Each structure stands twice: as C-alpha cells, then as structure tokens.
Amino acid sequence: MAFLQLRETEQADSELKQGRVMGEGRFHQKLELCDNKTGKIQGWIMAPIFLREAEKLAKNPSQVSR
C-alpha cells in the first residue's frame, strides 16, 4: 500500500503478488500459537485482511491518499 501511495505501481504489484504467495503457502500449513520461526499466529490471521485491503486499493488506485 505504501508503494501505491508513492505511485510506484509496478513495485506495488510485485509486493502484492509476493504477499499472496506467502499467505497462501502459510495457511496450507499448520498454524501454531507461538511459532517463533515463522511468526505468531495473530500476525498470520491479520495477513489476509491486510492483503484483501491492498488488493482493493490496487484495483482502484485513485482512492489511495498521498
């Protein structure tokens, strides 16, 4: 979302794609409450929410504030 604010759409698309891959890969594995190697479960639960928000902004970049 920061790259969209900076009007760097190619970098924003690249980061969004990477985020999708990371999130989808992680949710195919077992989530553990305190897994210090891959992050805490709370962060992984919030990741799809942030990803969905970023995807909406990527579809309509005119709504991105500067």
N, C-alpha and C. Protein backbone atom coordinates (compact mmCIF):
# COMPACT_ATOMS: atom_id res chain seq x y z
N MET A 1 0.83 -1.18 0.00
CA MET A 1 0.00 0.00 0.00
C MET A 1 0.88 1.25 0.00
N ALA A 2 2.04 1.14 0.62
CA ALA A 2 2.96 2.29 0.63
C ALA A 2 3.44 2.60 -0.79
N PHE A 3 3.75 1.55 -1.57
CA PHE A 3 4.19 1.77 -2.94
C PHE A 3 3.09 2.41 -3.78
N LEU A 4 1.84 2.07 -3.52
CA LEU A 4 0.74 2.72 -4.23
C LEU A 4 0.68 4.20 -3.89
N GLN A 5 0.89 4.53 -2.63
CA GLN A 5 0.90 5.93 -2.23
C GLN A 5 2.02 6.70 -2.91
N LEU A 6 3.12 6.02 -3.16
CA LEU A 6 4.25 6.65 -3.84
C LEU A 6 4.10 6.60 -5.36
N ARG A 7 2.99 6.04 -5.83
CA ARG A 7 2.69 5.89 -7.27
C ARG A 7 3.70 4.98 -7.97
N GLU A 8 4.25 4.02 -7.23
CA GLU A 8 5.15 3.03 -7.80
C GLU A 8 4.36 1.74 -8.00
N THR A 9 3.54 1.73 -9.05
CA THR A 9 2.59 0.65 -9.25
C THR A 9 3.24 -0.70 -9.57
N GLU A 10 4.32 -0.68 -10.32
CA GLU A 10 4.98 -1.96 -10.64
C GLU A 10 5.52 -2.62 -9.37
N GLN A 11 6.15 -1.83 -8.52
CA GLN A 11 6.68 -2.37 -7.27
C GLN A 11 5.53 -2.81 -6.36
N ALA A 12 4.44 -2.05 -6.35
CA ALA A 12 3.27 -2.41 -5.54
C ALA A 12 2.70 -3.74 -6.01
N ASP A 13 2.58 -3.93 -7.31
CA ASP A 13 2.07 -5.20 -7.85
C ASP A 13 2.97 -6.37 -7.48
N SER A 14 4.27 -6.14 -7.56
CA SER A 14 5.23 -7.18 -7.22
C SER A 14 5.12 -7.58 -5.74
N GLU A 15 5.02 -6.59 -4.87
CA GLU A 15 4.90 -6.86 -3.44
C GLU A 15 3.58 -7.56 -3.11
N LEU A 16 2.52 -7.15 -3.78
CA LEU A 16 1.21 -7.77 -3.56
C LEU A 16 1.24 -9.24 -3.97
N LYS A 17 1.86 -9.52 -5.10
CA LYS A 17 1.98 -10.90 -5.57
C LYS A 17 2.78 -11.73 -4.57
N GLN A 18 3.87 -11.18 -4.08
CA GLN A 18 4.69 -11.89 -3.10
C GLN A 18 3.91 -12.14 -1.81
N GLY A 19 3.13 -11.16 -1.38
CA GLY A 19 2.30 -11.32 -0.18
C GLY A 19 1.27 -12.41 -0.33
N ARG A 20 0.66 -12.49 -1.52
CA ARG A 20 -0.32 -13.55 -1.79
C ARG A 20 0.34 -14.93 -1.67
N VAL A 21 1.50 -15.07 -2.29
CA VAL A 21 2.21 -16.35 -2.27
C VAL A 21 2.57 -16.74 -0.83
N MET A 22 3.08 -15.80 -0.07
CA MET A 22 3.45 -16.08 1.32
C MET A 22 2.24 -16.48 2.15
N GLY A 23 1.16 -15.73 2.02
CA GLY A 23 -0.03 -16.01 2.80
C GLY A 23 -0.67 -17.34 2.45
N GLU A 24 -0.79 -17.61 1.16
CA GLU A 24 -1.41 -18.86 0.73
C GLU A 24 -0.56 -20.06 1.15
N GLY A 25 0.75 -19.91 1.03
CA GLY A 25 1.63 -21.01 1.43
C GLY A 25 1.56 -21.28 2.92
N ARG A 26 1.49 -20.23 3.70
CA ARG A 26 1.47 -20.39 5.15
C ARG A 26 0.17 -21.03 5.63
N PHE A 27 -0.95 -20.70 5.03
CA PHE A 27 -2.22 -21.23 5.51
C PHE A 27 -2.46 -22.67 5.08
N HIS A 28 -1.60 -23.20 4.23
CA HIS A 28 -1.69 -24.62 3.89
C HIS A 28 -0.93 -25.46 4.90
N GLN A 29 -0.23 -24.79 5.82
CA GLN A 29 0.50 -25.47 6.88
C GLN A 29 -0.27 -25.33 8.19
N LYS A 30 0.15 -26.08 9.18
CA LYS A 30 -0.46 -25.99 10.49
C LYS A 30 -0.04 -24.68 11.16
N LEU A 31 -1.00 -23.92 11.66
CA LEU A 31 -0.70 -22.70 12.41
C LEU A 31 -0.51 -23.04 13.88
N GLU A 32 0.55 -22.51 14.47
CA GLU A 32 0.83 -22.77 15.87
C GLU A 32 0.81 -21.46 16.64
N LEU A 33 0.42 -21.53 17.89
CA LEU A 33 0.24 -20.34 18.70
C LEU A 33 1.54 -19.54 18.88
N CYS A 34 2.63 -20.19 19.20
CA CYS A 34 3.90 -19.47 19.43
C CYS A 34 5.02 -20.09 18.62
N ASP A 35 4.96 -19.93 17.34
CA ASP A 35 5.99 -20.45 16.46
C ASP A 35 6.94 -19.30 16.12
N ASN A 36 8.03 -19.19 16.84
CA ASN A 36 8.95 -18.07 16.67
C ASN A 36 9.72 -18.11 15.36
N LYS A 37 9.70 -19.23 14.65
CA LYS A 37 10.43 -19.33 13.39
C LYS A 37 9.66 -18.74 12.23
N THR A 38 8.34 -18.82 12.26
CA THR A 38 7.54 -18.35 11.12
C THR A 38 6.60 -17.21 11.48
N GLY A 39 6.62 -16.74 12.70
CA GLY A 39 5.75 -15.64 13.10
C GLY A 39 4.62 -16.11 13.98
N LYS A 40 4.06 -15.20 14.69
CA LYS A 40 2.97 -15.54 15.61
C LYS A 40 1.65 -15.67 14.85
N ILE A 41 0.80 -16.51 15.37
CA ILE A 41 -0.47 -16.81 14.70
C ILE A 41 -1.32 -15.55 14.51
N GLN A 42 -1.24 -14.59 15.45
CA GLN A 42 -2.04 -13.38 15.33
C GLN A 42 -1.68 -12.61 14.06
N GLY A 43 -0.42 -12.54 13.73
CA GLY A 43 0.01 -11.86 12.52
C GLY A 43 -0.48 -12.56 11.27
N TRP A 44 -0.44 -13.87 11.29
CA TRP A 44 -0.89 -14.62 10.11
C TRP A 44 -2.40 -14.55 9.96
N ILE A 45 -3.12 -14.37 11.05
CA ILE A 45 -4.58 -14.21 10.96
C ILE A 45 -4.92 -12.84 10.37
N MET A 46 -4.14 -11.82 10.70
CA MET A 46 -4.38 -10.48 10.17
C MET A 46 -3.93 -10.33 8.72
N ALA A 47 -2.98 -11.16 8.29
CA ALA A 47 -2.42 -11.04 6.94
C ALA A 47 -3.47 -11.07 5.84
N PRO A 48 -4.45 -11.98 5.85
CA PRO A 48 -5.46 -11.98 4.78
C PRO A 48 -6.31 -10.71 4.77
N ILE A 49 -6.52 -10.12 5.92
CA ILE A 49 -7.30 -8.88 5.99
C ILE A 49 -6.53 -7.75 5.31
N PHE A 50 -5.26 -7.63 5.63
CA PHE A 50 -4.42 -6.60 5.01
C PHE A 50 -4.25 -6.85 3.51
N LEU A 51 -4.12 -8.12 3.14
CA LEU A 51 -3.97 -8.47 1.73
C LEU A 51 -5.22 -8.09 0.95
N ARG A 52 -6.38 -8.36 1.51
CA ARG A 52 -7.65 -8.01 0.85
C ARG A 52 -7.76 -6.49 0.69
N GLU A 53 -7.36 -5.75 1.71
CA GLU A 53 -7.39 -4.28 1.64
C GLU A 53 -6.45 -3.77 0.55
N ALA A 54 -5.26 -4.34 0.49
CA ALA A 54 -4.28 -3.94 -0.53
C ALA A 54 -4.78 -4.26 -1.93
N GLU A 55 -5.43 -5.42 -2.10
CA GLU A 55 -5.96 -5.79 -3.41
C GLU A 55 -7.05 -4.83 -3.87
N LYS A 56 -7.89 -4.40 -2.95
CA LYS A 56 -8.93 -3.41 -3.29
C LYS A 56 -8.31 -2.10 -3.75
N LEU A 57 -7.27 -1.66 -3.03
CA LEU A 57 -6.61 -0.41 -3.42
C LEU A 57 -5.89 -0.56 -4.75
N ALA A 58 -5.32 -1.72 -5.01
CA ALA A 58 -4.61 -1.95 -6.27
C ALA A 58 -5.58 -1.90 -7.45
N LYS A 59 -6.81 -2.33 -7.23
CA LYS A 59 -7.81 -2.30 -8.30
C LYS A 59 -8.29 -0.88 -8.58
N ASN A 60 -8.25 -0.03 -7.57
CA ASN A 60 -8.73 1.34 -7.71
C ASN A 60 -7.74 2.30 -7.05
N PRO A 61 -6.57 2.51 -7.68
CA PRO A 61 -5.53 3.35 -7.06
C PRO A 61 -5.93 4.81 -6.87
N SER A 62 -6.99 5.27 -7.49
CA SER A 62 -7.41 6.66 -7.31
C SER A 62 -7.90 6.92 -5.88
N GLN A 63 -8.21 5.85 -5.13
CA GLN A 63 -8.67 6.00 -3.74
C GLN A 63 -7.52 6.08 -2.75
N VAL A 64 -6.30 5.91 -3.22
CA VAL A 64 -5.13 5.95 -2.35
C VAL A 64 -4.81 7.40 -2.01
N SER A 65 -4.71 7.68 -0.71
CA SER A 65 -4.36 9.04 -0.29
C SER A 65 -2.85 9.23 -0.37
N ARG A 66 -2.44 10.46 -0.50
CA ARG A 66 -1.00 10.76 -0.58
C ARG A 66 -0.45 11.10 0.76
